[in-house]
C-alpha atoms as a PDB file:
ATOM      1  CA  MET A   1      10.350  47.824  -7.619  1.00  0.00           C
ATOM      2  CA  ARG A   2       9.234  50.893  -5.591  1.00  0.00           C
ATOM      3  CA  ALA A   3       5.609  50.040  -6.311  1.00  0.00           C
ATOM      4  CA  SER A   4       6.161  46.472  -5.214  1.00  0.00           C
ATOM      5  CA  ALA A   5       7.790  47.581  -1.953  1.00  0.00           C
ATOM      6  CA  LYS A   6       4.907  49.975  -1.332  1.00  0.00           C
ATOM      7  CA  ALA A   7       2.431  47.153  -1.888  1.00  0.00           C
ATOM      8  CA  ARG A   8       4.297  44.932   0.546  1.00  0.00           C
ATOM      9  CA  ARG A   9       4.267  47.654   3.208  1.00  0.00           C
ATOM     10  CA  PHE A  10       0.542  48.119   2.670  1.00  0.00           C
ATOM     11  CA  ARG A  11      -0.116  44.386   3.055  1.00  0.00           C
ATOM     12  CA  THR A  12       2.009  44.272   6.196  1.00  0.00           C
ATOM     13  CA  ARG A  13       0.165  47.245   7.749  1.00  0.00           C
ATOM     14  CA  SER A  14      -3.166  45.664   6.831  1.00  0.00           C
ATOM     15  CA  ALA A  15      -2.130  42.386   8.405  1.00  0.00           C
ATOM     16  CA  LEU A  16      -1.007  44.099  11.606  1.00  0.00           C
ATOM     17  CA  ARG A  17      -4.312  45.963  11.811  1.00  0.00           C
ATOM     18  CA  GLY A  18      -6.040  42.615  11.431  1.00  0.00           C
ATOM     19  CA  LEU A  19      -3.981  41.199  14.283  1.00  0.00           C
ATOM     20  CA  LEU A  20      -4.945  44.053  16.610  1.00  0.00           C
ATOM     21  CA  THR A  21      -8.579  43.497  15.725  1.00  0.00           C
ATOM     22  CA  PHE A  22      -8.275  39.780  16.410  1.00  0.00           C
ATOM     23  CA  ALA A  23      -6.576  40.393  19.770  1.00  0.00           C
ATOM     24  CA  ALA A  24      -9.904  41.719  20.963  1.00  0.00           C
ATOM     25  CA  PHE A  25     -11.595  38.577  19.586  1.00  0.00           C
ATOM     26  CA  ALA A  26      -9.143  36.384  21.501  1.00  0.00           C
ATOM     27  CA  VAL A  27      -9.815  38.193  24.780  1.00  0.00           C
ATOM     28  CA  VAL A  28     -13.534  37.652  24.297  1.00  0.00           C
ATOM     29  CA  LEU A  29     -13.047  33.994  23.401  1.00  0.00           C
ATOM     30  CA  LEU A  30     -10.889  33.266  26.428  1.00  0.00           C
ATOM     31  CA  ALA A  31     -13.394  35.000  28.684  1.00  0.00           C
ATOM     32  CA  LEU A  32     -16.255  32.728  27.621  1.00  0.00           C
ATOM     33  CA  PRO A  33     -16.588  29.697  29.943  1.00  0.00           C
ATOM     34  CA  THR A  34     -18.220  27.607  27.228  1.00  0.00           C
ATOM     35  CA  ALA A  35     -15.444  28.371  24.733  1.00  0.00           C
ATOM     36  CA  ARG A  36     -12.780  27.491  27.288  1.00  0.00           C
ATOM     37  CA  ALA A  37     -14.458  24.204  28.206  1.00  0.00           C
ATOM     38  CA  ASP A  38     -15.275  23.167  24.663  1.00  0.00           C
ATOM     39  CA  VAL A  39     -12.062  24.230  22.948  1.00  0.00           C
ATOM     40  CA  LEU A  40      -9.079  25.007  25.137  1.00  0.00           C
ATOM     41  CA  ASP A  41      -9.638  22.098  27.524  1.00  0.00           C
ATOM     42  CA  ALA A  42      -8.938  19.827  24.551  1.00  0.00           C
ATOM     43  CA  VAL A  43      -5.341  21.098  24.416  1.00  0.00           C
ATOM     44  CA  VAL A  44      -2.989  18.858  26.423  1.00  0.00           C
ATOM     45  CA  GLY A  45       0.709  18.304  26.891  1.00  0.00           C
ATOM     46  CA  VAL A  46       2.658  15.443  25.319  1.00  0.00           C
ATOM     47  CA  ARG A  47       5.904  14.054  26.713  1.00  0.00           C
ATOM     48  CA  ALA A  48       7.885  11.184  25.204  1.00  0.00           C
ATOM     49  CA  THR A  49      11.008   9.235  26.074  1.00  0.00           C
ATOM     50  CA  ILE A  50      13.137   7.969  23.200  1.00  0.00           C
ATOM     51  CA  PRO A  51      15.881   5.320  23.428  1.00  0.00           C
ATOM     52  CA  SER A  52      19.421   6.677  23.107  1.00  0.00           C
ATOM     53  CA  ASP A  53      20.073   4.425  20.102  1.00  0.00           C
ATOM     54  CA  ALA A  54      17.077   5.750  18.128  1.00  0.00           C
ATOM     55  CA  ARG A  55      17.863   7.146  14.688  1.00  0.00           C
ATOM     56  CA  THR A  56      16.363  10.507  15.640  1.00  0.00           C
ATOM     57  CA  ALA A  57      17.874  10.753  19.136  1.00  0.00           C
ATOM     58  CA  GLU A  58      20.908  12.800  18.102  1.00  0.00           C
ATOM     59  CA  VAL A  59      18.910  15.482  16.292  1.00  0.00           C
ATOM     60  CA  LEU A  60      15.608  15.543  18.209  1.00  0.00           C
ATOM     61  CA  GLY A  61      16.794  14.383  21.630  1.00  0.00           C
ATOM     62  CA  THR A  62      15.685  11.576  23.930  1.00  0.00           C
ATOM     63  CA  GLN A  63      13.290  13.653  26.054  1.00  0.00           C
ATOM     64  CA  ARG A  64      10.682  15.506  24.003  1.00  0.00           C
ATOM     65  CA  GLU A  65       7.796  17.629  25.155  1.00  0.00           C
ATOM     66  CA  GLY A  66       5.133  19.610  23.348  1.00  0.00           C
ATOM     67  CA  SER A  67       1.392  19.758  22.907  1.00  0.00           C
ATOM     68  CA  GLY A  68      -1.464  17.767  21.466  1.00  0.00           C
ATOM     69  CA  VAL A  69      -5.187  18.138  20.894  1.00  0.00           C
ATOM     70  CA  VAL A  70      -7.967  15.727  21.886  1.00  0.00           C
ATOM     71  CA  ILE A  71      -9.814  14.922  18.638  1.00  0.00           C
ATOM     72  CA  GLY A  72     -11.723  11.731  19.414  1.00  0.00           C
ATOM     73  CA  GLU A  73     -13.412   9.633  22.031  1.00  0.00           C
ATOM     74  CA  ALA A  74     -11.500   7.436  24.463  1.00  0.00           C
ATOM     75  CA  GLY A  75      -8.652   9.945  24.784  1.00  0.00           C
ATOM     76  CA  LEU A  76      -7.508  10.117  21.155  1.00  0.00           C
ATOM     77  CA  VAL A  77      -4.861  12.854  20.861  1.00  0.00           C
ATOM     78  CA  LEU A  78      -3.403  14.353  17.689  1.00  0.00           C
ATOM     79  CA  THR A  79       0.099  15.831  17.840  1.00  0.00           C
ATOM     80  CA  ILE A  80       3.063  16.556  15.631  1.00  0.00           C
ATOM     81  CA  GLY A  81       4.828  13.304  14.897  1.00  0.00           C
ATOM     82  CA  TYR A  82       8.405  14.255  15.724  1.00  0.00           C
ATOM     83  CA  LEU A  83       7.484  14.459  19.407  1.00  0.00           C
ATOM     84  CA  ILE A  84       6.712  10.723  19.548  1.00  0.00           C
ATOM     85  CA  LEU A  85       8.865   9.371  16.714  1.00  0.00           C
ATOM     86  CA  GLU A  86      10.727   6.225  17.881  1.00  0.00           C
ATOM     87  CA  ALA A  87       9.435   6.754  21.445  1.00  0.00           C
ATOM     88  CA  GLU A  88       9.246   3.844  23.878  1.00  0.00           C
ATOM     89  CA  THR A  89       6.977   5.630  26.377  1.00  0.00           C
ATOM     90  CA  ALA A  90       4.687   8.655  26.317  1.00  0.00           C
ATOM     91  CA  GLU A  91       2.532  10.605  28.739  1.00  0.00           C
ATOM     92  CA  ILE A  92      -0.335  13.058  28.389  1.00  0.00           C
ATOM     93  CA  LEU A  93       0.147  16.120  30.610  1.00  0.00           C
ATOM     94  CA  LEU A  94      -2.877  17.830  32.154  1.00  0.00           C
ATOM     95  CA  PRO A  95      -3.527  20.900  34.332  1.00  0.00           C
ATOM     96  CA  GLU A  96      -2.592  20.863  38.027  1.00  0.00           C
ATOM     97  CA  GLY A  97       0.319  18.532  37.359  1.00  0.00           C
ATOM     98  CA  ARG A  98      -1.789  15.520  36.413  1.00  0.00           C
ATOM     99  CA  GLU A  99      -0.279  12.944  34.073  1.00  0.00           C
ATOM    100  CA  LEU A 100      -1.659   9.939  32.248  1.00  0.00           C
ATOM    101  CA  PRO A 101       0.297   7.237  30.452  1.00  0.00           C
ATOM    102  CA  ALA A 102      -0.406   7.079  26.733  1.00  0.00           C
ATOM    103  CA  GLU A 103      -0.295   4.463  24.012  1.00  0.00           C
ATOM    104  CA  ILE A 104       1.480   5.575  20.837  1.00  0.00           C
ATOM    105  CA  LEU A 105      -0.819   4.647  17.984  1.00  0.00           C
ATOM    106  CA  ALA A 106       0.504   6.032  14.726  1.00  0.00           C
ATOM    107  CA  TYR A 107       2.956   8.181  12.850  1.00  0.00           C
ATOM    108  CA  ASP A 108       2.686   9.416   9.263  1.00  0.00           C
ATOM    109  CA  TYR A 109       5.893  10.721   7.725  1.00  0.00           C
ATOM    110  CA  ASP A 110       4.291  12.310   4.668  1.00  0.00           C
ATOM    111  CA  THR A 111       2.113  14.688   6.687  1.00  0.00           C
ATOM    112  CA  GLY A 112       4.013  14.703   9.978  1.00  0.00           C
ATOM    113  CA  PHE A 113       1.001  13.793  12.121  1.00  0.00           C
ATOM    114  CA  GLY A 114       1.204  11.534  15.175  1.00  0.00           C
ATOM    115  CA  LEU A 115      -1.556   9.888  17.228  1.00  0.00           C
ATOM    116  CA  LEU A 116      -1.687   8.800  20.867  1.00  0.00           C
ATOM    117  CA  ARG A 117      -4.402   7.490  23.142  1.00  0.00           C
ATOM    118  CA  ALA A 118      -4.512   8.364  26.827  1.00  0.00           C
ATOM    119  CA  ILE A 119      -4.769   5.445  29.217  1.00  0.00           C
ATOM    120  CA  GLY A 120      -7.333   6.857  31.611  1.00  0.00           C
ATOM    121  CA  SER A 121      -9.907   9.626  31.533  1.00  0.00           C
ATOM    122  CA  LEU A 122      -8.911  13.001  30.117  1.00  0.00           C
ATOM    123  CA  GLU A 123     -12.186  14.662  31.156  1.00  0.00           C
ATOM    124  CA  ALA A 124     -12.038  16.813  28.018  1.00  0.00           C
ATOM    125  CA  GLU A 125     -14.436  17.006  25.106  1.00  0.00           C
ATOM    126  CA  PRO A 126     -12.827  16.340  21.700  1.00  0.00           C
ATOM    127  CA  ILE A 127     -12.455  19.404  19.528  1.00  0.00           C
ATOM    128  CA  PRO A 128     -14.268  19.127  16.187  1.00  0.00           C
ATOM    129  CA  LEU A 129     -12.210  19.192  13.006  1.00  0.00           C
ATOM    130  CA  GLY A 130     -12.619  22.218  10.771  1.00  0.00           C
ATOM    131  CA  SER A 131     -11.868  22.771   7.084  1.00  0.00           C
ATOM    132  CA  SER A 132      -8.351  24.074   6.557  1.00  0.00           C
ATOM    133  CA  ASP A 133      -8.873  24.328   2.787  1.00  0.00           C
ATOM    134  CA  GLU A 134     -11.179  27.271   3.454  1.00  0.00           C
ATOM    135  CA  LEU A 135      -8.485  29.105   5.438  1.00  0.00           C
ATOM    136  CA  ASP A 136      -7.165  32.110   3.518  1.00  0.00           C
ATOM    137  CA  PRO A 137      -4.430  34.660   4.229  1.00  0.00           C
ATOM    138  CA  GLN A 138      -5.464  37.196   6.885  1.00  0.00           C
ATOM    139  CA  SER A 139      -7.866  34.682   8.451  1.00  0.00           C
ATOM    140  CA  ARG A 140      -7.995  35.123  12.210  1.00  0.00           C
ATOM    141  CA  VAL A 141      -6.976  32.150  14.331  1.00  0.00           C
ATOM    142  CA  LEU A 142      -6.026  31.148  17.848  1.00  0.00           C
ATOM    143  CA  VAL A 143      -2.846  29.189  18.611  1.00  0.00           C
ATOM    144  CA  ALA A 144      -3.108  27.055  21.751  1.00  0.00           C
ATOM    145  CA  SER A 145      -0.342  25.034  23.393  1.00  0.00           C
ATOM    146  CA  PHE A 146       0.307  23.376  26.749  1.00  0.00           C
ATOM    147  CA  ALA A 147       3.163  24.115  29.165  1.00  0.00           C
ATOM    148  CA  GLY A 148       1.947  23.400  32.687  1.00  0.00           C
ATOM    149  CA  GLY A 149      -1.385  24.772  31.506  1.00  0.00           C
ATOM    150  CA  VAL A 150      -2.950  26.006  28.310  1.00  0.00           C
ATOM    151  CA  SER A 151      -1.365  29.048  26.665  1.00  0.00           C
ATOM    152  CA  ALA A 152      -3.360  30.669  23.866  1.00  0.00           C
ATOM    153  CA  SER A 153      -2.472  33.625  21.666  1.00  0.00           C
ATOM    154  CA  ALA A 154      -4.081  35.443  18.766  1.00  0.00           C
ATOM    155  CA  ALA A 155      -2.568  35.114  15.308  1.00  0.00           C
ATOM    156  CA  PHE A 156      -3.509  35.474  11.685  1.00  0.00           C
ATOM    157  CA  VAL A 157      -2.716  33.496   8.583  1.00  0.00           C
ATOM    158  CA  VAL A 158      -0.214  35.245   6.326  1.00  0.00           C
ATOM    159  CA  SER A 159       0.440  32.562   3.715  1.00  0.00           C
ATOM    160  CA  ARG A 160      -0.769  29.246   2.291  1.00  0.00           C
ATOM    161  CA  ARG A 161       1.963  27.609   0.244  1.00  0.00           C
ATOM    162  CA  GLU A 162       3.972  24.474  -0.327  1.00  0.00           C
ATOM    163  CA  PHE A 163       6.655  23.759   2.242  1.00  0.00           C
ATOM    164  CA  ALA A 164       9.777  21.728   1.430  1.00  0.00           C
ATOM    165  CA  GLY A 165      11.622  20.477   4.519  1.00  0.00           C
ATOM    166  CA  TYR A 166      15.281  19.502   4.408  1.00  0.00           C
ATOM    167  CA  TRP A 167      14.442  15.975   5.641  1.00  0.00           C
ATOM    168  CA  GLU A 168      12.767  14.795   2.379  1.00  0.00           C
ATOM    169  CA  TYR A 169       9.435  16.286   3.361  1.00  0.00           C
ATOM    170  CA  LEU A 170       7.010  18.138   1.102  1.00  0.00           C
ATOM    171  CA  LEU A 171       3.759  19.549   2.452  1.00  0.00           C
ATOM    172  CA  PRO A 172       1.159  21.073   0.102  1.00  0.00           C
ATOM    173  CA  LYS A 173      -0.797  24.106   1.302  1.00  0.00           C
ATOM    174  CA  ALA A 174       1.042  24.501   4.592  1.00  0.00           C
ATOM    175  CA  ILE A 175      -0.430  27.149   6.883  1.00  0.00           C
ATOM    176  CA  PHE A 176       1.871  30.005   7.940  1.00  0.00           C
ATOM    177  CA  THR A 177       0.851  32.317  10.790  1.00  0.00           C
ATOM    178  CA  THR A 178       2.242  35.319  12.631  1.00  0.00           C
ATOM    179  CA  PRO A 179       3.190  36.427  15.256  1.00  0.00           C
ATOM    180  CA  PRO A 180       5.251  33.395  16.279  1.00  0.00           C
ATOM    181  CA  HIS A 181       3.956  31.261  19.139  1.00  0.00           C
ATOM    182  CA  PRO A 182       6.826  29.831  21.238  1.00  0.00           C
ATOM    183  CA  GLY A 183       5.117  26.534  22.104  1.00  0.00           C
ATOM    184  CA  TYR A 184       4.524  25.569  18.487  1.00  0.00           C
ATOM    185  CA  GLY A 185       5.301  21.824  18.586  1.00  0.00           C
ATOM    186  CA  GLY A 186       1.921  20.070  18.505  1.00  0.00           C
ATOM    187  CA  ALA A 187      -0.001  23.288  19.200  1.00  0.00           C
ATOM    188  CA  GLY A 188      -3.581  23.527  18.003  1.00  0.00           C
ATOM    189  CA  LEU A 189      -4.583  26.049  15.357  1.00  0.00           C
ATOM    190  CA  ILE A 190      -8.180  26.967  16.154  1.00  0.00           C
ATOM    191  CA  GLY A 191     -10.622  28.931  14.017  1.00  0.00           C
ATOM    192  CA  GLU A 192     -13.158  31.494  15.156  1.00  0.00           C
ATOM    193  CA  ASP A 193     -15.803  28.759  15.104  1.00  0.00           C
ATOM    194  CA  GLY A 194     -13.846  26.716  17.664  1.00  0.00           C
ATOM    195  CA  ARG A 195     -12.795  24.017  15.195  1.00  0.00           C
ATOM    196  CA  LEU A 196      -9.304  22.595  14.757  1.00  0.00           C
ATOM    197  CA  LEU A 197      -7.575  23.778  11.571  1.00  0.00           C
ATOM    198  CA  GLY A 198      -4.020  22.547  11.976  1.00  0.00           C
ATOM    199  CA  ILE A 199      -1.217  21.225  14.191  1.00  0.00           C
ATOM    200  CA  GLY A 200       1.920  23.240  14.912  1.00  0.00           C
ATOM    201  CA  SER A 201       5.192  22.056  13.442  1.00  0.00           C
ATOM    202  CA  LEU A 202       7.848  24.746  13.106  1.00  0.00           C
ATOM    203  CA  LEU A 203       9.111  28.205  13.957  1.00  0.00           C
ATOM    204  CA  VAL A 204       9.987  29.979  10.686  1.00  0.00           C
ATOM    205  CA  ALA A 205      11.613  33.268   9.720  1.00  0.00           C
ATOM    206  CA  ASP A 206       9.592  33.690   6.531  1.00  0.00           C
ATOM    207  CA  ALA A 207       5.946  33.086   7.411  1.00  0.00           C
ATOM    208  CA  SER A 208       5.166  35.810   4.895  1.00  0.00           C
ATOM    209  CA  GLU A 209       7.426  35.561   1.868  1.00  0.00           C
ATOM    210  CA  ASP A 210       6.959  39.137   0.715  1.00  0.00           C
ATOM    211  CA  ALA A 211       7.083  40.877   4.098  1.00  0.00           C
ATOM    212  CA  GLY A 212       9.644  38.658   5.858  1.00  0.00           C
ATOM    213  CA  LEU A 213       7.536  38.147   8.970  1.00  0.00           C
ATOM    214  CA  PRO A 214       8.559  35.460  11.471  1.00  0.00           C
ATOM    215  CA  GLY A 215       5.917  32.991  12.532  1.00  0.00           C
ATOM    216  CA  ASN A 216       4.890  29.345  12.651  1.00  0.00           C
ATOM    217  CA  MET A 217       4.120  26.610  10.146  1.00  0.00           C
ATOM    218  CA  PHE A 218       1.114  24.371  10.741  1.00  0.00           C
ATOM    219  CA  VAL A 219       0.151  21.089   9.095  1.00  0.00           C
ATOM    220  CA  PRO A 220      -3.399  21.562   7.746  1.00  0.00           C
ATOM    221  CA  ILE A 221      -6.051  19.387   9.342  1.00  0.00           C
ATOM    222  CA  ASP A 222      -7.534  18.437   5.963  1.00  0.00           C
ATOM    223  CA  ALA A 223      -4.385  16.371   5.352  1.00  0.00           C
ATOM    224  CA  LEU A 224      -5.433  14.133   8.261  1.00  0.00           C
ATOM    225  CA  LYS A 225      -8.963  13.317   7.154  1.00  0.00           C
ATOM    226  CA  PRO A 226      -8.169  10.870   4.287  1.00  0.00           C
ATOM    227  CA  ILE A 227      -5.667   8.895   6.380  1.00  0.00           C
ATOM    228  CA  LEU A 228      -7.078   8.988   9.914  1.00  0.00           C
ATOM    229  CA  ALA A 229      -8.826   5.614   9.726  1.00  0.00           C
ATOM    230  CA  GLU A 230      -5.722   4.006   8.186  1.00  0.00           C
ATOM    231  CA  MET A 231      -3.486   5.453  10.882  1.00  0.00           C
ATOM    232  CA  LEU A 232      -5.733   4.096  13.611  1.00  0.00           C
ATOM    233  CA  GLU A 233      -5.903   0.665  11.990  1.00  0.00           C
ATOM    234  CA  GLN A 234      -2.325   0.236  10.714  1.00  0.00           C
ATOM    235  CA  GLY A 235      -0.212   2.802  12.575  1.00  0.00           C
ATOM    236  CA  ARG A 236       0.484   4.713   9.348  1.00  0.00           C
ATOM    237  CA  ALA A 237      -1.164   5.668   6.073  1.00  0.00           C
ATOM    238  CA  ALA A 238      -1.829   2.787   3.679  1.00  0.00           C
ATOM    239  CA  ALA A 239      -0.171   4.368   0.622  1.00  0.00           C
ATOM    240  CA  SER A 240       2.925   2.632  -0.750  1.00  0.00           C
ATOM    241  CA  PRO A 241       6.061   4.137   0.794  1.00  0.00           C
ATOM    242  CA  ARG A 242       7.919   6.673  -1.279  1.00  0.00           C
ATOM    243  CA  PRO A 243      11.579   6.103  -2.130  1.00  0.00           C
ATOM    244  CA  TRP A 244      13.758   7.566   0.598  1.00  0.00           C
ATOM    245  CA  LEU A 245      17.445   8.458   0.209  1.00  0.00           C
ATOM    246  CA  GLY A 246      18.445   9.661   3.662  1.00  0.00           C
ATOM    247  CA  VAL A 247      19.514  13.067   2.345  1.00  0.00           C
ATOM    248  CA  TYR A 248      19.255  16.366   4.183  1.00  0.00           C
ATOM    249  CA  ALA A 249      19.105  19.116   1.550  1.00  0.00           C
ATOM    250  CA  GLU A 250      19.069  22.905   1.627  1.00  0.00           C
ATOM    251  CA  GLU A 251      18.688  25.547  -1.062  1.00  0.00           C
ATOM    252  CA  ALA A 252      21.230  28.325  -1.486  1.00  0.00           C
ATOM    253  CA  HIS A 253      21.633  30.712  -4.400  1.00  0.00           C
ATOM    254  CA  GLY A 254      19.182  28.702  -6.469  1.00  0.00           C
ATOM    255  CA  ARG A 255      21.059  25.421  -5.916  1.00  0.00           C
ATOM    256  CA  VAL A 256      20.290  22.321  -3.854  1.00  0.00           C
ATOM    257  CA  PHE A 257      23.109  21.205  -1.565  1.00  0.00           C
ATOM    258  CA  VAL A 258      23.528  18.125   0.607  1.00  0.00           C
ATOM    259  CA  THR A 259      24.020  19.296   4.184  1.00  0.00           C
ATOM    260  CA  ARG A 260      24.040  15.842   5.767  1.00  0.00           C
ATOM    261  CA  VAL A 261      23.397  12.192   4.965  1.00  0.00           C
ATOM    262  CA  ALA A 262      21.649   9.830   7.363  1.00  0.00           C
ATOM    263  CA  PRO A 263      24.168   7.413   8.909  1.00  0.00           C
ATOM    264  CA  GLU A 264      23.792   3.933   7.392  1.00  0.00           C
ATOM    265  CA  GLY A 265      21.106   5.275   5.072  1.00  0.00           C
ATOM    266  CA  PRO A 266      20.813   4.656   1.307  1.00  0.00           C
ATOM    267  CA  ALA A 267      22.614   7.870   0.288  1.00  0.00           C
ATOM    268  CA  ALA A 268      25.503   7.158   2.626  1.00  0.00           C
ATOM    269  CA  ALA A 269      25.826   3.632   1.222  1.00  0.00           C
ATOM    270  CA  ALA A 270      25.939   5.046  -2.324  1.00  0.00           C
ATOM    271  CA  GLY A 271      28.699   7.506  -1.487  1.00  0.00           C
ATOM    272  CA  LEU A 272      26.770  10.780  -1.441  1.00  0.00           C
ATOM    273  CA  GLU A 273      28.640  13.351   0.628  1.00  0.00           C
ATOM    274  CA  THR A 274      27.998  16.531   2.565  1.00  0.00           C
ATOM    275  CA  ALA A 275      28.421  19.632   0.337  1.00  0.00           C
ATOM    276  CA  ASP A 276      27.575  17.724  -2.856  1.00  0.00           C
ATOM    277  CA  LEU A 277      25.483  19.927  -5.146  1.00  0.00           C
ATOM    278  CA  ILE A 278      22.525  18.089  -6.696  1.00  0.00           C
ATOM    279  CA  LEU A 279      22.472  18.727 -10.441  1.00  0.00           C
ATOM    280  CA  ALA A 280      20.049  16.144 -11.803  1.00  0.00           C
ATOM    281  CA  VAL A 281      17.872  13.105 -11.107  1.00  0.00           C
ATOM    282  CA  LYS A 282      17.975  10.516 -13.897  1.00  0.00           C
ATOM    283  CA  GLY A 283      19.394  13.168 -16.227  1.00  0.00           C
ATOM    284  CA  GLU A 284      16.657  15.724 -15.453  1.00  0.00           C
ATOM    285  CA  PRO A 285      17.962  19.023 -14.016  1.00  0.00           C
ATOM    286  CA  VAL A 286      16.857  19.872 -10.467  1.00  0.00           C
ATOM    287  CA  ALA A 287      15.279  23.307 -10.047  1.00  0.00           C
ATOM    288  CA  ASP A 288      14.817  23.430  -6.272  1.00  0.00           C
ATOM    289  CA  THR A 289      14.321  21.215  -3.225  1.00  0.00           C
ATOM    290  CA  ALA A 290      10.666  20.469  -3.972  1.00  0.00           C
ATOM    291  CA  ASP A 291      11.550  19.562  -7.548  1.00  0.00           C
ATOM    292  CA  PHE A 292      14.325  17.290  -6.266  1.00  0.00           C
ATOM    293  CA  TYR A 293      11.867  15.353  -4.112  1.00  0.00           C
ATOM    294  CA  ARG A 294       9.237  15.094  -6.835  1.00  0.00           C
ATOM    295  CA  LYS A 295      11.723  13.735  -9.345  1.00  0.00           C
ATOM    296  CA  ILE A 296      12.821  11.059  -6.856  1.00  0.00           C
ATOM    297  CA  TRP A 297       9.270  10.048  -5.973  1.00  0.00           C
ATOM    298  CA  ALA A 298       8.226   9.922  -9.626  1.00  0.00           C
ATOM    299  CA  LEU A 299      10.642   7.024 -10.206  1.00  0.00           C
ATOM    300  CA  GLY A 300       8.532   4.519  -8.246  1.00  0.00           C
ATOM    301  CA  GLN A 301       8.165   3.055  -4.783  1.00  0.00           C
ATOM    302  CA  ALA A 302      10.714   2.532  -2.035  1.00  0.00           C
ATOM    303  CA  GLY A 303      13.504   0.297  -3.310  1.00  0.00           C
ATOM    304  CA  VAL A 304      13.740   1.895  -6.759  1.00  0.00           C
ATOM    305  CA  LYS A 305      17.196   2.916  -7.975  1.00  0.00           C
ATOM    306  CA  VAL A 306      17.697   6.692  -8.159  1.00  0.00           C
ATOM    307  CA  PRO A 307      20.404   7.913 -10.587  1.00  0.00           C
ATOM    308  CA  LEU A 308      21.889  11.229  -9.425  1.00  0.00           C
ATOM    309  CA  THR A 309      24.330  13.671 -10.930  1.00  0.00           C
ATOM    310  CA  VAL A 310      26.115  15.792  -8.341  1.00  0.00           C
ATOM    311  CA  LEU A 311      28.834  18.418  -8.440  1.00  0.00           C
ATOM    312  CA  ARG A 312      31.609  17.521  -6.023  1.00  0.00           C
ATOM    313  CA  GLY A 313      34.105  20.331  -5.948  1.00  0.00           C
ATOM    314  CA  ALA A 314      34.329  21.224  -9.638  1.00  0.00           C
ATOM    315  CA  VAL A 315      33.740  17.706 -10.933  1.00  0.00           C
ATOM    316  CA  PRO A 316      30.304  16.370 -12.028  1.00  0.00           C
ATOM    317  CA  THR A 317      29.824  12.867 -10.597  1.00  0.00           C
ATOM    318  CA  ASP A 318      27.207  10.231 -11.412  1.00  0.00           C
ATOM    319  CA  LEU A 319      26.071   7.782  -8.767  1.00  0.00           C
ATOM    320  CA  THR A 320      23.037   5.601  -8.151  1.00  0.00           C
ATOM    321  CA  VAL A 321      21.238   5.374  -4.820  1.00  0.00           C
ATOM    322  CA  THR A 322      19.150   2.297  -4.093  1.00  0.00           C
ATOM    323  CA  SER A 323      16.323   3.958  -2.207  1.00  0.00           C
ATOM    324  CA  GLY A 324      14.864   2.578   0.978  1.00  0.00           C
ATOM    325  CA  ASP A 325      11.713   2.681   3.074  1.00  0.00           C
ATOM    326  CA  ARG A 326      12.052   5.314   5.768  1.00  0.00           C
ATOM    327  CA  TYR A 327       9.890   3.274   8.156  1.00  0.00           C
ATOM    328  CA  ASP A 328      12.317   0.356   7.890  1.00  0.00           C
ATOM    329  CA  TYR A 329      15.235   2.657   8.737  1.00  0.00           C
ATOM    330  CA  LEU A 330      13.618   4.126  11.825  1.00  0.00           C
ATOM    331  CA  LYS A 331      13.677   2.049  15.010  1.00  0.00           C
ATOM    332  CA  LEU A 332       9.953   1.772  15.618  1.00  0.00           C
ATOM    333  CA  GLN A 333       9.846  -1.479  17.588  1.00  0.00           C
ATOM    334  CA  HIS A 334       9.359   0.455  20.832  1.00  0.00           C
ATOM    335  CA  ALA A 335       6.242   2.150  19.564  1.00  0.00           C
ATOM    336  CA  TYR A 336       3.938   0.931  16.749  1.00  0.00           C
END
């Protein structure tokens, strides 16, 4: 164990040295007029207004603001989807207080990406998409967000790993960076070549699992490429919807607990309760949150019945949830 701790300290010191080195790179990058025009001018603000009766209004609020990145002609902006989820109106925010109305084009729950199109001229060149699959730990990156103007800070990648979110969300090869950037929602993750590598999603306490560094989680840009055309055409990816239960789950002490059920969702209708401990799906033991999701999704498409065994108090209980389609549950009539 002492050797392992020593190795972790060494990796942490090496990473911090890398960050100091990259700070100099960031200063140089920001000082270059061409880099600023070609890259950072593509970072914009995103503001959305959500109806008070939206499913996500209680948790995410009715006024949301973050960042986005211009990725295509005619004002196409990529952002993190929760900023615009169930929104009825949206605006693109620009330097010097300028604002443009925006059309909400698409939202993809599986990746978390959202798309908007500015109504009017952004006067910004789209940023080219990079290859996030080539991004390794200790890669040097720039995190750029918008809050009245563009704010950019140096960071480095500390981990590439699967991320399981409590809202029935599983992201392969998520990108974790440090130090944390405060304006993470919709922020652009930019490589040394000026290409977009990811979109900011979360602030996390465990960007590096072994060193316990705080940081941010980014959705890798390579997850967008196979579905971009479908999102533009249909408002979402074309894949058949996965079964959705409306369960919010957390891991503790190697167990998966229900922390909340979506009101009027499938799990609530089946009688699943807060504090239930998930033991099995269709008789198969659940190892962790990611395993829980995979076992549900392996049963079929949205609408399939999902047999669960839960521990309620000290009593094992069997119940069956008739899964639903998350898109049908959300109130999307105001948007796409």
